[in-house]
Amino acid sequence: MSLQEYVRECLRALTGASSPGDVADELLALMETQGGHSGGRDLRREDAYEGRVG
């Protein structure tokens, strides 16, 4: 077994090897039930990189 196959197998075990549809349904359910916590602040891509070198 190659390292890549081993990593792939570990990731499958960790994620439960759910189907893409099941993952999408779970994500949509979480988005509907969990409110955002931005404090009213608009989030921009530039904010994510603010203060980074490079």
N, C-alpha and C. Protein backbone atom coordinates (compact mmCIF):
# COMPACT_ATOMS: atom_id res chain seq x y z
N MET A 1 0.86 -1.17 0.00
CA MET A 1 0.00 0.00 0.00
C MET A 1 0.90 1.24 0.00
N SER A 2 0.63 2.15 -0.90
CA SER A 2 1.43 3.38 -0.96
C SER A 2 0.99 4.34 0.14
N LEU A 3 1.80 5.34 0.40
CA LEU A 3 1.46 6.36 1.39
C LEU A 3 0.18 7.09 1.00
N GLN A 4 0.05 7.39 -0.28
CA GLN A 4 -1.15 8.09 -0.75
C GLN A 4 -2.40 7.23 -0.52
N GLU A 5 -2.32 5.94 -0.79
CA GLU A 5 -3.46 5.05 -0.54
C GLU A 5 -3.78 4.98 0.95
N TYR A 6 -2.75 4.94 1.78
CA TYR A 6 -2.94 4.90 3.23
C TYR A 6 -3.64 6.15 3.72
N VAL A 7 -3.18 7.31 3.26
CA VAL A 7 -3.80 8.58 3.66
C VAL A 7 -5.25 8.62 3.20
N ARG A 8 -5.49 8.20 1.97
CA ARG A 8 -6.85 8.17 1.43
C ARG A 8 -7.76 7.29 2.29
N GLU A 9 -7.25 6.14 2.69
CA GLU A 9 -8.02 5.21 3.52
C GLU A 9 -8.30 5.81 4.89
N CYS A 10 -7.31 6.48 5.47
CA CYS A 10 -7.51 7.14 6.77
C CYS A 10 -8.56 8.24 6.66
N LEU A 11 -8.51 9.03 5.61
CA LEU A 11 -9.49 10.09 5.43
C LEU A 11 -10.89 9.52 5.24
N ARG A 12 -11.02 8.42 4.51
CA ARG A 12 -12.32 7.76 4.36
C ARG A 12 -12.86 7.32 5.71
N ALA A 13 -12.00 6.76 6.54
CA ALA A 13 -12.42 6.30 7.86
C ALA A 13 -12.85 7.47 8.74
N LEU A 14 -12.12 8.57 8.66
CA LEU A 14 -12.46 9.74 9.47
C LEU A 14 -13.75 10.41 9.04
N THR A 15 -14.01 10.44 7.75
CA THR A 15 -15.19 11.14 7.23
C THR A 15 -16.41 10.25 7.17
N GLY A 16 -16.25 8.95 7.36
CA GLY A 16 -17.38 8.05 7.29
C GLY A 16 -17.76 7.71 5.86
N ALA A 17 -16.98 8.16 4.90
CA ALA A 17 -17.21 7.87 3.48
C ALA A 17 -18.64 8.16 3.08
N SER A 18 -19.18 9.29 3.52
CA SER A 18 -20.53 9.69 3.17
C SER A 18 -20.62 10.05 1.69
N SER A 19 -21.81 9.90 1.14
CA SER A 19 -22.00 10.28 -0.25
C SER A 19 -22.01 11.79 -0.37
N PRO A 20 -21.67 12.33 -1.51
CA PRO A 20 -21.69 13.79 -1.69
C PRO A 20 -23.06 14.39 -1.38
N GLY A 21 -24.12 13.69 -1.73
CA GLY A 21 -25.47 14.19 -1.44
C GLY A 21 -25.74 14.28 0.05
N ASP A 22 -25.29 13.27 0.80
CA ASP A 22 -25.47 13.29 2.25
C ASP A 22 -24.69 14.44 2.88
N VAL A 23 -23.48 14.66 2.40
CA VAL A 23 -22.66 15.75 2.92
C VAL A 23 -23.33 17.09 2.62
N ALA A 24 -23.83 17.25 1.40
CA ALA A 24 -24.50 18.51 1.02
C ALA A 24 -25.74 18.72 1.87
N ASP A 25 -26.54 17.68 2.10
CA ASP A 25 -27.74 17.81 2.93
C ASP A 25 -27.38 18.22 4.35
N GLU A 26 -26.33 17.61 4.90
CA GLU A 26 -25.91 17.95 6.26
C GLU A 26 -25.43 19.40 6.33
N LEU A 27 -24.67 19.83 5.33
CA LEU A 27 -24.18 21.20 5.30
C LEU A 27 -25.34 22.20 5.21
N LEU A 28 -26.31 21.92 4.36
CA LEU A 28 -27.47 22.81 4.23
C LEU A 28 -28.27 22.87 5.53
N ALA A 29 -28.43 21.73 6.20
CA ALA A 29 -29.15 21.71 7.47
C ALA A 29 -28.41 22.53 8.52
N LEU A 30 -27.09 22.41 8.57
CA LEU A 30 -26.31 23.21 9.51
C LEU A 30 -26.43 24.70 9.22
N MET A 31 -26.42 25.06 7.93
CA MET A 31 -26.53 26.47 7.56
C MET A 31 -27.88 27.04 7.96
N GLU A 32 -28.93 26.23 7.92
CA GLU A 32 -30.26 26.70 8.28
C GLU A 32 -30.44 26.83 9.78
N THR A 33 -29.78 25.97 10.56
CA THR A 33 -30.00 25.96 12.00
C THR A 33 -28.98 26.78 12.79
N GLN A 34 -27.84 27.06 12.20
CA GLN A 34 -26.80 27.79 12.91
C GLN A 34 -26.71 29.21 12.37
N GLY A 35 -26.91 30.16 13.22
CA GLY A 35 -26.82 31.56 12.79
C GLY A 35 -25.39 31.99 12.61
N GLY A 36 -25.21 32.99 11.78
CA GLY A 36 -23.88 33.56 11.61
C GLY A 36 -23.52 34.44 12.78
N HIS A 37 -22.27 34.66 12.99
CA HIS A 37 -21.81 35.46 14.13
C HIS A 37 -20.80 36.51 13.67
N SER A 38 -21.16 37.25 12.64
CA SER A 38 -20.24 38.25 12.12
C SER A 38 -20.34 39.57 12.87
N GLY A 39 -21.35 39.69 13.74
CA GLY A 39 -21.53 40.94 14.46
C GLY A 39 -21.91 42.09 13.55
N GLY A 40 -22.51 41.77 12.40
CA GLY A 40 -22.92 42.79 11.45
C GLY A 40 -21.80 43.27 10.54
N ARG A 41 -20.63 42.73 10.70
CA ARG A 41 -19.48 43.15 9.90
C ARG A 41 -19.47 42.43 8.55
N ASP A 42 -19.23 43.18 7.49
CA ASP A 42 -19.07 42.57 6.17
C ASP A 42 -17.71 41.91 6.11
N LEU A 43 -17.67 40.70 5.59
CA LEU A 43 -16.42 39.97 5.46
C LEU A 43 -15.97 40.00 4.02
N ARG A 44 -14.71 40.37 3.84
CA ARG A 44 -14.14 40.45 2.49
C ARG A 44 -12.90 39.59 2.42
N ARG A 45 -12.54 39.19 1.22
CA ARG A 45 -11.34 38.37 1.03
C ARG A 45 -10.11 39.08 1.54
N GLU A 46 -10.04 40.39 1.31
CA GLU A 46 -8.88 41.15 1.75
C GLU A 46 -8.70 41.07 3.27
N ASP A 47 -9.82 40.98 4.01
CA ASP A 47 -9.73 40.88 5.46
C ASP A 47 -9.04 39.60 5.90
N ALA A 48 -9.24 38.53 5.16
CA ALA A 48 -8.63 37.25 5.51
C ALA A 48 -7.12 37.30 5.39
N TYR A 49 -6.61 38.14 4.50
CA TYR A 49 -5.17 38.21 4.27
C TYR A 49 -4.52 39.40 4.97
N GLU A 50 -5.30 40.18 5.68
CA GLU A 50 -4.78 41.37 6.35
C GLU A 50 -3.69 40.98 7.36
N GLY A 51 -2.57 41.64 7.28
CA GLY A 51 -1.48 41.42 8.21
C GLY A 51 -0.55 40.28 7.84
N ARG A 52 -0.83 39.56 6.77
CA ARG A 52 0.04 38.46 6.35
C ARG A 52 1.20 39.00 5.53
N VAL A 53 2.32 38.35 5.67
CA VAL A 53 3.49 38.71 4.88
C VAL A 53 3.42 37.95 3.56
N GLY A 54 3.73 38.62 2.49
CA GLY A 54 3.89 37.85 1.32
C GLY A 54 3.19 38.14 0.12
